[in-house]
PDB file of N, CA and C in Angstrom:
ATOM      1  N   MET A   1      -7.732  15.335  -1.993  1.00  0.00           N
ATOM      2  CA  MET A   1      -6.695  15.687  -2.862  1.00  0.00           C
ATOM      3  C   MET A   1      -6.567  17.136  -3.329  1.00  0.00           C
ATOM      4  N   ALA A   2      -7.717  17.859  -3.328  1.00  0.00           N
ATOM      5  CA  ALA A   2      -7.712  19.268  -3.605  1.00  0.00           C
ATOM      6  C   ALA A   2      -6.908  19.959  -2.565  1.00  0.00           C
ATOM      7  N   PHE A   3      -7.171  19.586  -1.265  1.00  0.00           N
ATOM      8  CA  PHE A   3      -6.551  20.249  -0.118  1.00  0.00           C
ATOM      9  C   PHE A   3      -5.018  20.031  -0.179  1.00  0.00           C
ATOM     10  N   ALA A   4      -4.648  18.895  -0.473  1.00  0.00           N
ATOM     11  CA  ALA A   4      -3.223  18.334  -0.597  1.00  0.00           C
ATOM     12  C   ALA A   4      -2.540  19.238  -1.720  1.00  0.00           C
ATOM     13  N   GLU A   5      -3.295  19.325  -2.840  1.00  0.00           N
ATOM     14  CA  GLU A   5      -2.626  20.010  -3.871  1.00  0.00           C
ATOM     15  C   GLU A   5      -2.616  21.578  -3.543  1.00  0.00           C
ATOM     16  N   LYS A   6      -3.590  21.976  -2.886  1.00  0.00           N
ATOM     17  CA  LYS A   6      -3.457  23.513  -2.580  1.00  0.00           C
ATOM     18  C   LYS A   6      -2.375  23.798  -1.621  1.00  0.00           C
ATOM     19  N   THR A   7      -2.226  23.005  -0.633  1.00  0.00           N
ATOM     20  CA  THR A   7      -1.354  23.363   0.544  1.00  0.00           C
ATOM     21  C   THR A   7       0.060  22.536   0.368  1.00  0.00           C
ATOM     22  N   HIS A   8       0.243  21.856  -0.738  1.00  0.00           N
ATOM     23  CA  HIS A   8       1.426  21.238  -1.046  1.00  0.00           C
ATOM     24  C   HIS A   8       1.843  20.334   0.107  1.00  0.00           C
ATOM     25  N   TYR A   9       0.916  19.622   0.728  1.00  0.00           N
ATOM     26  CA  TYR A   9       1.127  18.695   1.775  1.00  0.00           C
ATOM     27  C   TYR A   9       1.208  17.350   1.259  1.00  0.00           C
ATOM     28  N   THR A  10       2.450  17.013   0.991  1.00  0.00           N
ATOM     29  CA  THR A  10       2.710  15.663   0.196  1.00  0.00           C
ATOM     30  C   THR A  10       2.094  14.418   0.875  1.00  0.00           C
ATOM     31  N   GLN A  11       2.213  14.296   2.207  1.00  0.00           N
ATOM     32  CA  GLN A  11       1.809  13.096   2.905  1.00  0.00           C
ATOM     33  C   GLN A  11       0.333  13.026   2.777  1.00  0.00           C
ATOM     34  N   VAL A  12      -0.433  14.018   2.827  1.00  0.00           N
ATOM     35  CA  VAL A  12      -1.894  14.064   2.716  1.00  0.00           C
ATOM     36  C   VAL A  12      -2.213  13.547   1.177  1.00  0.00           C
ATOM     37  N   LYS A  13      -1.395  14.023   0.227  1.00  0.00           N
ATOM     38  CA  LYS A  13      -1.734  13.631  -1.150  1.00  0.00           C
ATOM     39  C   LYS A  13      -1.499  12.319  -1.253  1.00  0.00           C
ATOM     40  N   ALA A  14      -0.353  11.710  -0.678  1.00  0.00           N
ATOM     41  CA  ALA A  14      -0.050  10.261  -0.801  1.00  0.00           C
ATOM     42  C   ALA A  14      -0.938   9.429  -0.172  1.00  0.00           C
ATOM     43  N   LYS A  15      -1.603   9.817   0.908  1.00  0.00           N
ATOM     44  CA  LYS A  15      -2.555   8.929   1.659  1.00  0.00           C
ATOM     45  C   LYS A  15      -3.881   8.945   1.016  1.00  0.00           C
ATOM     46  N   ALA A  16      -4.237  10.099   0.242  1.00  0.00           N
ATOM     47  CA  ALA A  16      -5.356  10.175  -0.528  1.00  0.00           C
ATOM     48  C   ALA A  16      -5.274   9.347  -1.780  1.00  0.00           C
ATOM     49  N   LEU A  17      -4.120   9.330  -2.310  1.00  0.00           N
ATOM     50  CA  LEU A  17      -3.890   8.500  -3.545  1.00  0.00           C
ATOM     51  C   LEU A  17      -3.974   7.060  -3.095  1.00  0.00           C
ATOM     52  N   SER A  18      -3.495   6.593  -2.001  1.00  0.00           N
ATOM     53  CA  SER A  18      -3.548   5.231  -1.475  1.00  0.00           C
ATOM     54  C   SER A  18      -4.987   4.810  -1.263  1.00  0.00           C
ATOM     55  N   GLY A  19      -5.690   5.739  -0.662  1.00  0.00           N
ATOM     56  CA  GLY A  19      -7.038   5.469  -0.470  1.00  0.00           C
ATOM     57  C   GLY A  19      -7.971   5.330  -1.756  1.00  0.00           C
ATOM     58  N   MET A  20      -7.602   6.168  -2.702  1.00  0.00           N
ATOM     59  CA  MET A  20      -8.185   6.032  -3.978  1.00  0.00           C
ATOM     60  C   MET A  20      -7.885   4.659  -4.716  1.00  0.00           C
ATOM     61  N   ALA A  21      -6.558   4.335  -4.479  1.00  0.00           N
ATOM     62  CA  ALA A  21      -6.181   3.118  -5.070  1.00  0.00           C
ATOM     63  C   ALA A  21      -6.921   1.868  -4.547  1.00  0.00           C
ATOM     64  N   GLU A  22      -7.213   1.908  -3.214  1.00  0.00           N
ATOM     65  CA  GLU A  22      -8.235   0.859  -2.484  1.00  0.00           C
ATOM     66  C   GLU A  22      -9.493   0.711  -3.183  1.00  0.00           C
ATOM     67  N   LEU A  23     -10.041   2.110  -3.342  1.00  0.00           N
ATOM     68  CA  LEU A  23     -11.383   2.155  -3.987  1.00  0.00           C
ATOM     69  C   LEU A  23     -11.379   1.412  -5.432  1.00  0.00           C
ATOM     70  N   TYR A  24     -10.385   1.858  -6.270  1.00  0.00           N
ATOM     71  CA  TYR A  24     -10.281   1.159  -7.593  1.00  0.00           C
ATOM     72  C   TYR A  24     -10.058  -0.224  -7.579  1.00  0.00           C
ATOM     73  N   ARG A  25      -9.252  -0.739  -6.625  1.00  0.00           N
ATOM     74  CA  ARG A  25      -9.085  -2.167  -6.362  1.00  0.00           C
ATOM     75  C   ARG A  25     -10.420  -2.886  -6.087  1.00  0.00           C
ATOM     76  N   GLU A  26     -11.292  -2.334  -5.301  1.00  0.00           N
ATOM     77  CA  GLU A  26     -12.518  -2.894  -5.047  1.00  0.00           C
ATOM     78  C   GLU A  26     -13.382  -2.935  -6.177  1.00  0.00           C
ATOM     79  N   GLN A  27     -13.227  -1.932  -7.198  1.00  0.00           N
ATOM     80  CA  GLN A  27     -14.002  -1.902  -8.324  1.00  0.00           C
ATOM     81  C   GLN A  27     -13.341  -2.769  -9.593  1.00  0.00           C
ATOM     82  N   SER A  28     -12.237  -3.452  -9.204  1.00  0.00           N
ATOM     83  CA  SER A  28     -11.497  -4.213 -10.032  1.00  0.00           C
ATOM     84  C   SER A  28     -10.867  -3.302 -11.363  1.00  0.00           C
ATOM     85  N   ASP A  29     -10.565  -2.015 -11.069  1.00  0.00           N
ATOM     86  CA  ASP A  29      -9.873  -1.230 -11.967  1.00  0.00           C
ATOM     87  C   ASP A  29      -8.460  -1.270 -11.510  1.00  0.00           C
ATOM     88  N   PHE A  30      -7.926  -2.276 -11.966  1.00  0.00           N
ATOM     89  CA  PHE A  30      -6.535  -2.593 -11.476  1.00  0.00           C
ATOM     90  C   PHE A  30      -5.373  -1.667 -11.987  1.00  0.00           C
ATOM     91  N   THR A  31      -5.555  -1.251 -13.303  1.00  0.00           N
ATOM     92  CA  THR A  31      -4.643  -0.280 -13.888  1.00  0.00           C
ATOM     93  C   THR A  31      -4.570   1.016 -13.166  1.00  0.00           C
ATOM     94  N   THR A  32      -5.828   1.548 -12.875  1.00  0.00           N
ATOM     95  CA  THR A  32      -5.918   2.808 -12.118  1.00  0.00           C
ATOM     96  C   THR A  32      -5.315   2.630 -10.768  1.00  0.00           C
ATOM     97  N   ALA A  33      -5.769   1.465 -10.106  1.00  0.00           N
ATOM     98  CA  ALA A  33      -5.271   1.201  -8.731  1.00  0.00           C
ATOM     99  C   ALA A  33      -3.819   1.215  -8.623  1.00  0.00           C
ATOM    100  N   LEU A  34      -3.170   0.505  -9.567  1.00  0.00           N
ATOM    101  CA  LEU A  34      -1.676   0.311  -9.556  1.00  0.00           C
ATOM    102  C   LEU A  34      -0.988   1.747  -9.843  1.00  0.00           C
ATOM    103  N   SER A  35      -1.470   2.481 -10.627  1.00  0.00           N
ATOM    104  CA  SER A  35      -1.029   3.883 -10.921  1.00  0.00           C
ATOM    105  C   SER A  35      -1.036   4.663  -9.637  1.00  0.00           C
ATOM    106  N   HIS A  36      -2.102   4.721  -8.870  1.00  0.00           N
ATOM    107  CA  HIS A  36      -2.192   5.474  -7.595  1.00  0.00           C
ATOM    108  C   HIS A  36      -1.413   4.893  -6.570  1.00  0.00           C
ATOM    109  N   HIS A  37      -1.291   3.559  -6.496  1.00  0.00           N
ATOM    110  CA  HIS A  37      -0.355   2.878  -5.608  1.00  0.00           C
ATOM    111  C   HIS A  37       1.119   3.358  -5.746  1.00  0.00           C
ATOM    112  N   SER A  38       1.407   3.399  -6.993  1.00  0.00           N
ATOM    113  CA  SER A  38       2.766   3.725  -7.441  1.00  0.00           C
ATOM    114  C   SER A  38       3.120   5.065  -7.064  1.00  0.00           C
ATOM    115  N   GLU A  39       2.245   6.006  -7.403  1.00  0.00           N
ATOM    116  CA  GLU A  39       2.504   7.486  -7.112  1.00  0.00           C
ATOM    117  C   GLU A  39       2.544   7.662  -5.514  1.00  0.00           C
ATOM    118  N   SER A  40       1.607   7.072  -4.883  1.00  0.00           N
ATOM    119  CA  SER A  40       1.636   7.153  -3.387  1.00  0.00           C
ATOM    120  C   SER A  40       2.960   6.739  -2.793  1.00  0.00           C
ATOM    121  N   ILE A  41       3.316   5.487  -3.194  1.00  0.00           N
ATOM    122  CA  ILE A  41       4.609   4.980  -2.679  1.00  0.00           C
ATOM    123  C   ILE A  41       5.812   5.939  -2.977  1.00  0.00           C
ATOM    124  N   ALA A  42       5.854   6.409  -4.210  1.00  0.00           N
ATOM    125  CA  ALA A  42       6.873   7.306  -4.577  1.00  0.00           C
ATOM    126  C   ALA A  42       7.045   8.505  -3.676  1.00  0.00           C
ATOM    127  N   LEU A  43       5.886   9.150  -3.399  1.00  0.00           N
ATOM    128  CA  LEU A  43       5.768  10.364  -2.519  1.00  0.00           C
ATOM    129  C   LEU A  43       6.022  10.037  -1.131  1.00  0.00           C
ATOM    130  N   LEU A  44       5.673   8.860  -0.594  1.00  0.00           N
ATOM    131  CA  LEU A  44       5.920   8.494   0.766  1.00  0.00           C
ATOM    132  C   LEU A  44       7.353   8.130   0.960  1.00  0.00           C
ATOM    133  N   ASP A  45       7.914   7.528   0.023  1.00  0.00           N
ATOM    134  CA  ASP A  45       9.345   7.232   0.149  1.00  0.00           C
ATOM    135  C   ASP A  45      10.273   8.415   0.035  1.00  0.00           C
ATOM    136  N   LYS A  46       9.774   9.312  -0.751  1.00  0.00           N
ATOM    137  CA  LYS A  46      10.550  10.620  -0.921  1.00  0.00           C
ATOM    138  C   LYS A  46      10.608  11.484   0.293  1.00  0.00           C
ATOM    139  N   ILE A  47       9.530  11.498   1.127  1.00  0.00           N
ATOM    140  CA  ILE A  47       9.363  12.146   2.334  1.00  0.00           C
ATOM    141  C   ILE A  47       9.848  11.393   3.673  1.00  0.00           C
ATOM    142  N   GLY A  48      10.010  10.074   3.396  1.00  0.00           N
ATOM    143  CA  GLY A  48      10.443   9.155   4.468  1.00  0.00           C
ATOM    144  C   GLY A  48       9.242   9.041   5.461  1.00  0.00           C
ATOM    145  N   ALA A  49       8.011   8.813   4.995  1.00  0.00           N
ATOM    146  CA  ALA A  49       6.920   8.693   5.984  1.00  0.00           C
ATOM    147  C   ALA A  49       6.793   7.162   6.085  1.00  0.00           C
ATOM    148  N   LYS A  50       7.669   6.478   6.896  1.00  0.00           N
ATOM    149  CA  LYS A  50       7.758   5.063   7.002  1.00  0.00           C
ATOM    150  C   LYS A  50       6.361   4.388   7.303  1.00  0.00           C
ATOM    151  N   CYS A  51       5.722   4.834   8.339  1.00  0.00           N
ATOM    152  CA  CYS A  51       4.454   4.181   8.647  1.00  0.00           C
ATOM    153  C   CYS A  51       3.573   4.149   7.529  1.00  0.00           C
ATOM    154  N   ASP A  52       3.283   5.316   6.998  1.00  0.00           N
ATOM    155  CA  ASP A  52       2.460   5.325   5.711  1.00  0.00           C
ATOM    156  C   ASP A  52       2.837   4.568   4.619  1.00  0.00           C
ATOM    157  N   LEU A  53       4.314   4.503   4.391  1.00  0.00           N
ATOM    158  CA  LEU A  53       4.869   3.824   3.271  1.00  0.00           C
ATOM    159  C   LEU A  53       4.547   2.241   3.505  1.00  0.00           C
ATOM    160  N   ALA A  54       4.762   1.811   4.655  1.00  0.00           N
ATOM    161  CA  ALA A  54       4.475   0.523   4.947  1.00  0.00           C
ATOM    162  C   ALA A  54       3.098   0.064   4.647  1.00  0.00           C
ATOM    163  N   GLU A  55       2.113   0.908   4.994  1.00  0.00           N
ATOM    164  CA  GLU A  55       0.661   0.722   4.911  1.00  0.00           C
ATOM    165  C   GLU A  55       0.418   0.688   3.179  1.00  0.00           C
ATOM    166  N   ALA A  56       1.171   1.626   2.514  1.00  0.00           N
ATOM    167  CA  ALA A  56       0.990   1.712   1.159  1.00  0.00           C
ATOM    168  C   ALA A  56       1.502   0.438   0.289  1.00  0.00           C
ATOM    169  N   HIS A  57       2.611  -0.102   0.847  1.00  0.00           N
ATOM    170  CA  HIS A  57       3.141  -1.303   0.416  1.00  0.00           C
ATOM    171  C   HIS A  57       2.052  -2.567   0.554  1.00  0.00           C
ATOM    172  N   TYR A  58       1.505  -2.480   1.794  1.00  0.00           N
ATOM    173  CA  TYR A  58       0.523  -3.412   2.212  1.00  0.00           C
ATOM    174  C   TYR A  58      -0.609  -3.436   1.282  1.00  0.00           C
ATOM    175  N   GLN A  59      -1.126  -2.129   0.983  1.00  0.00           N
ATOM    176  CA  GLN A  59      -2.216  -1.959   0.145  1.00  0.00           C
ATOM    177  C   GLN A  59      -1.903  -2.449  -1.318  1.00  0.00           C
ATOM    178  N   LEU A  60      -0.773  -2.087  -1.745  1.00  0.00           N
ATOM    179  CA  LEU A  60      -0.307  -2.565  -3.106  1.00  0.00           C
ATOM    180  C   LEU A  60      -0.205  -4.211  -3.122  1.00  0.00           C
ATOM    181  N   ALA A  61       0.233  -4.707  -2.115  1.00  0.00           N
ATOM    182  CA  ALA A  61       0.161  -6.191  -2.141  1.00  0.00           C
ATOM    183  C   ALA A  61      -1.251  -6.811  -2.182  1.00  0.00           C
ATOM    184  N   LEU A  62      -2.255  -6.176  -1.365  1.00  0.00           N
ATOM    185  CA  LEU A  62      -3.664  -6.703  -1.482  1.00  0.00           C
ATOM    186  C   LEU A  62      -4.078  -6.550  -3.044  1.00  0.00           C
ATOM    187  N   THR A  63      -3.750  -5.480  -3.595  1.00  0.00           N
ATOM    188  CA  THR A  63      -4.095  -5.234  -5.041  1.00  0.00           C
ATOM    189  C   THR A  63      -3.608  -6.439  -5.874  1.00  0.00           C
ATOM    190  N   HIS A  64      -2.299  -6.656  -5.807  1.00  0.00           N
ATOM    191  CA  HIS A  64      -1.636  -7.632  -6.582  1.00  0.00           C
ATOM    192  C   HIS A  64      -2.315  -9.134  -6.221  1.00  0.00           C
ATOM    193  N   GLN A  65      -2.588  -9.198  -4.965  1.00  0.00           N
ATOM    194  CA  GLN A  65      -3.247 -10.502  -4.556  1.00  0.00           C
ATOM    195  C   GLN A  65      -4.586 -10.692  -5.181  1.00  0.00           C
ATOM    196  N   LYS A  66      -5.392  -9.580  -5.180  1.00  0.00           N
ATOM    197  CA  LYS A  66      -6.727  -9.654  -5.828  1.00  0.00           C
ATOM    198  C   LYS A  66      -6.591  -9.788  -7.278  1.00  0.00           C
ATOM    199  N   MET A  67      -5.474  -9.406  -8.001  1.00  0.00           N
ATOM    200  CA  MET A  67      -5.219  -9.502  -9.309  1.00  0.00           C
ATOM    201  C   MET A  67      -4.769 -11.094  -9.728  1.00  0.00           C
ATOM    202  N   GLY A  68      -4.410 -11.808  -8.607  1.00  0.00           N
ATOM    203  CA  GLY A  68      -3.872 -13.023  -8.783  1.00  0.00           C
ATOM    204  C   GLY A  68      -2.389 -13.195  -9.117  1.00  0.00           C
ATOM    205  N   ASP A  69      -1.669 -12.035  -8.855  1.00  0.00           N
ATOM    206  CA  ASP A  69      -0.244 -11.923  -9.146  1.00  0.00           C
ATOM    207  C   ASP A  69       0.516 -12.249  -7.813  1.00  0.00           C
ATOM    208  N   ALA A  70       0.856 -13.585  -7.546  1.00  0.00           N
ATOM    209  CA  ALA A  70       1.414 -13.830  -6.268  1.00  0.00           C
ATOM    210  C   ALA A  70       2.770 -13.485  -6.173  1.00  0.00           C
ATOM    211  N   GLU A  71       3.606 -13.429  -7.142  1.00  0.00           N
ATOM    212  CA  GLU A  71       4.950 -12.945  -6.935  1.00  0.00           C
ATOM    213  C   GLU A  71       4.945 -11.446  -6.547  1.00  0.00           C
ATOM    214  N   LYS A  72       4.284 -10.553  -7.347  1.00  0.00           N
ATOM    215  CA  LYS A  72       4.347  -9.244  -6.914  1.00  0.00           C
ATOM    216  C   LYS A  72       3.673  -8.941  -5.647  1.00  0.00           C
ATOM    217  N   SER A  73       2.564  -9.804  -5.302  1.00  0.00           N
ATOM    218  CA  SER A  73       1.924  -9.624  -4.078  1.00  0.00           C
ATOM    219  C   SER A  73       2.956  -9.867  -2.853  1.00  0.00           C
ATOM    220  N   GLN A  74       3.646 -10.994  -2.975  1.00  0.00           N
ATOM    221  CA  GLN A  74       4.663 -11.373  -1.948  1.00  0.00           C
ATOM    222  C   GLN A  74       5.791 -10.359  -1.763  1.00  0.00           C
ATOM    223  N   THR A  75       6.181  -9.805  -2.836  1.00  0.00           N
ATOM    224  CA  THR A  75       7.224  -8.803  -2.746  1.00  0.00           C
ATOM    225  C   THR A  75       6.748  -7.637  -2.016  1.00  0.00           C
ATOM    226  N   ALA A  76       5.520  -7.164  -2.307  1.00  0.00           N
ATOM    227  CA  ALA A  76       4.950  -5.954  -1.697  1.00  0.00           C
ATOM    228  C   ALA A  76       4.637  -6.335  -0.139  1.00  0.00           C
ATOM    229  N   PHE A  77       4.088  -7.488   0.178  1.00  0.00           N
ATOM    230  CA  PHE A  77       3.963  -7.933   1.531  1.00  0.00           C
ATOM    231  C   PHE A  77       5.152  -7.879   2.366  1.00  0.00           C
ATOM    232  N   GLN A  78       6.249  -8.503   1.756  1.00  0.00           N
ATOM    233  CA  GLN A  78       7.522  -8.532   2.450  1.00  0.00           C
ATOM    234  C   GLN A  78       8.052  -7.086   2.743  1.00  0.00           C
ATOM    235  N   GLU A  79       7.926  -6.131   1.788  1.00  0.00           N
ATOM    236  CA  GLU A  79       8.427  -4.896   2.078  1.00  0.00           C
ATOM    237  C   GLU A  79       7.616  -4.228   3.271  1.00  0.00           C
ATOM    238  N   ALA A  80       6.271  -4.430   3.364  1.00  0.00           N
ATOM    239  CA  ALA A  80       5.507  -3.899   4.296  1.00  0.00           C
ATOM    240  C   ALA A  80       5.957  -4.542   5.543  1.00  0.00           C
ATOM    241  N   ILE A  81       6.271  -5.748   5.777  1.00  0.00           N
ATOM    242  CA  ILE A  81       6.693  -6.508   6.847  1.00  0.00           C
ATOM    243  C   ILE A  81       7.979  -5.914   7.262  1.00  0.00           C
ATOM    244  N   ARG A  82       8.936  -5.794   6.323  1.00  0.00           N
ATOM    245  CA  ARG A  82      10.150  -5.073   6.635  1.00  0.00           C
ATOM    246  C   ARG A  82      10.029  -3.788   7.361  1.00  0.00           C
ATOM    247  N   LEU A  83       9.270  -2.948   6.823  1.00  0.00           N
ATOM    248  CA  LEU A  83       9.092  -1.569   7.287  1.00  0.00           C
ATOM    249  C   LEU A  83       8.364  -1.550   8.628  1.00  0.00           C
ATOM    250  N   PHE A  84       7.221  -2.372   8.740  1.00  0.00           N
ATOM    251  CA  PHE A  84       6.645  -2.483  10.103  1.00  0.00           C
ATOM    252  C   PHE A  84       7.508  -3.085  11.089  1.00  0.00           C
ATOM    253  N   THR A  85       8.409  -3.951  10.802  1.00  0.00           N
ATOM    254  CA  THR A  85       9.340  -4.493  11.692  1.00  0.00           C
ATOM    255  C   THR A  85      10.442  -3.554  12.169  1.00  0.00           C
ATOM    256  N   GLU A  86      10.857  -2.742  11.256  1.00  0.00           N
ATOM    257  CA  GLU A  86      11.769  -1.673  11.603  1.00  0.00           C
ATOM    258  C   GLU A  86      11.139  -0.762  12.617  1.00  0.00           C
ATOM    259  N   MET A  87       9.834  -0.460  12.512  1.00  0.00           N
ATOM    260  CA  MET A  87       9.129   0.485  13.367  1.00  0.00           C
ATOM    261  C   MET A  87       8.741  -0.151  14.686  1.00  0.00           C
ATOM    262  N   GLU A  88       8.938  -1.576  14.619  1.00  0.00           N
ATOM    263  CA  GLU A  88       8.562  -2.290  15.848  1.00  0.00           C
ATOM    264  C   GLU A  88       6.961  -2.232  16.117  1.00  0.00           C
ATOM    265  N   ALA A  89       6.330  -2.558  15.065  1.00  0.00           N
ATOM    266  CA  ALA A  89       4.944  -2.541  15.068  1.00  0.00           C
ATOM    267  C   ALA A  89       4.426  -4.024  14.842  1.00  0.00           C
ATOM    268  N   PRO A  90       4.461  -4.825  16.013  1.00  0.00           N
ATOM    269  CA  PRO A  90       4.211  -6.330  15.786  1.00  0.00           C
ATOM    270  C   PRO A  90       2.671  -6.485  15.339  1.00  0.00           C
ATOM    271  N   GLN A  91       1.837  -5.726  15.734  1.00  0.00           N
ATOM    272  CA  GLN A  91       0.414  -5.935  15.353  1.00  0.00           C
ATOM    273  C   GLN A  91       0.285  -5.671  13.837  1.00  0.00           C
ATOM    274  N   GLN A  92       0.880  -4.810  13.364  1.00  0.00           N
ATOM    275  CA  GLN A  92       0.887  -4.476  11.802  1.00  0.00           C
ATOM    276  C   GLN A  92       1.536  -5.575  11.138  1.00  0.00           C
ATOM    277  N   VAL A  93       2.611  -6.079  11.591  1.00  0.00           N
ATOM    278  CA  VAL A  93       3.225  -7.402  11.003  1.00  0.00           C
ATOM    279  C   VAL A  93       2.324  -8.594  10.888  1.00  0.00           C
ATOM    280  N   GLU A  94       1.572  -8.709  11.964  1.00  0.00           N
ATOM    281  CA  GLU A  94       0.644  -9.784  12.152  1.00  0.00           C
ATOM    282  C   GLU A  94      -0.570  -9.680  11.192  1.00  0.00           C
ATOM    283  N   LYS A  95      -0.975  -8.382  11.012  1.00  0.00           N
ATOM    284  CA  LYS A  95      -1.992  -8.073  10.025  1.00  0.00           C
ATOM    285  C   LYS A  95      -1.539  -8.499   8.519  1.00  0.00           C
ATOM    286  N   VAL A  96      -0.371  -8.177   8.312  1.00  0.00           N
ATOM    287  CA  VAL A  96       0.240  -8.418   6.872  1.00  0.00           C
ATOM    288  C   VAL A  96       0.358  -9.971   6.870  1.00  0.00           C
ATOM    289  N   ARG A  97       0.825 -10.653   7.852  1.00  0.00           N
ATOM    290  CA  ARG A  97       0.923 -12.112   7.708  1.00  0.00           C
ATOM    291  C   ARG A  97      -0.392 -12.778   7.559  1.00  0.00           C
ATOM    292  N   LYS A  98      -1.293 -12.233   8.164  1.00  0.00           N
ATOM    293  CA  LYS A  98      -2.741 -12.782   8.028  1.00  0.00           C
ATOM    294  C   LYS A  98      -3.258 -12.663   6.692  1.00  0.00           C
ATOM    295  N   ALA A  99      -2.959 -11.518   6.042  1.00  0.00           N
ATOM    296  CA  ALA A  99      -3.370 -11.320   4.702  1.00  0.00           C
ATOM    297  C   ALA A  99      -2.622 -12.179   3.671  1.00  0.00           C
ATOM    298  N   ILE A 100      -1.356 -12.405   3.921  1.00  0.00           N
ATOM    299  CA  ILE A 100      -0.757 -13.445   3.167  1.00  0.00           C
ATOM    300  C   ILE A 100      -1.319 -14.773   3.268  1.00  0.00           C
ATOM    301  N   GLY A 101      -1.725 -15.135   4.363  1.00  0.00           N
ATOM    302  CA  GLY A 101      -2.428 -16.457   4.685  1.00  0.00           C
ATOM    303  C   GLY A 101      -3.598 -16.626   3.877  1.00  0.00           C
ATOM    304  N   LYS A 102      -4.317 -15.520   3.672  1.00  0.00           N
ATOM    305  CA  LYS A 102      -5.443 -15.444   2.865  1.00  0.00           C
ATOM    306  C   LYS A 102      -5.159 -15.770   1.477  1.00  0.00           C
ATOM    307  N   SER A 103      -4.014 -15.333   0.932  1.00  0.00           N
ATOM    308  CA  SER A 103      -3.720 -15.684  -0.467  1.00  0.00           C
ATOM    309  C   SER A 103      -3.419 -17.205  -0.554  1.00  0.00           C
ATOM    310  N   ASP A 104      -3.013 -17.816   0.377  1.00  0.00           N
ATOM    311  CA  ASP A 104      -2.842 -19.361   0.311  1.00  0.00           C
ATOM    312  C   ASP A 104      -4.208 -20.098   0.292  1.00  0.00           C
ATOM    313  N   GLU A 105      -5.200 -19.496   0.697  1.00  0.00           N
ATOM    314  CA  GLU A 105      -6.470 -20.058   0.609  1.00  0.00           C
ATOM    315  C   GLU A 105      -7.223 -19.966  -0.656  1.00  0.00           C
ATOM    316  N   VAL A 106      -6.816 -19.083  -1.475  1.00  0.00           N
ATOM    317  CA  VAL A 106      -7.486 -18.818  -2.742  1.00  0.00           C
ATOM    318  C   VAL A 106      -7.352 -19.896  -3.727  1.00  0.00           C
TER     319      VAL A 106
END
């Protein structure tokens, strides 16, 4: 984060925020996780970093999934699938679909 702030490298900052959101999700600090996800997605959308944006939506979906919010989780999963499909990344689409399947098992 410090490097990203110092160099004004938006993509690095966004990826760092997404990584921090994952850590907060693992600690069940969902409020902080969601805040970091939102900021990361906004930055990535602004600069058009489609691959990282798709991954950020996937991570957001996993957070909503862990929170038990099926509707928001599905919305974020579908956005990740849409972006990965546009990029012709079938393995990433499959990764997201497998994660969706896990939510059905809960």
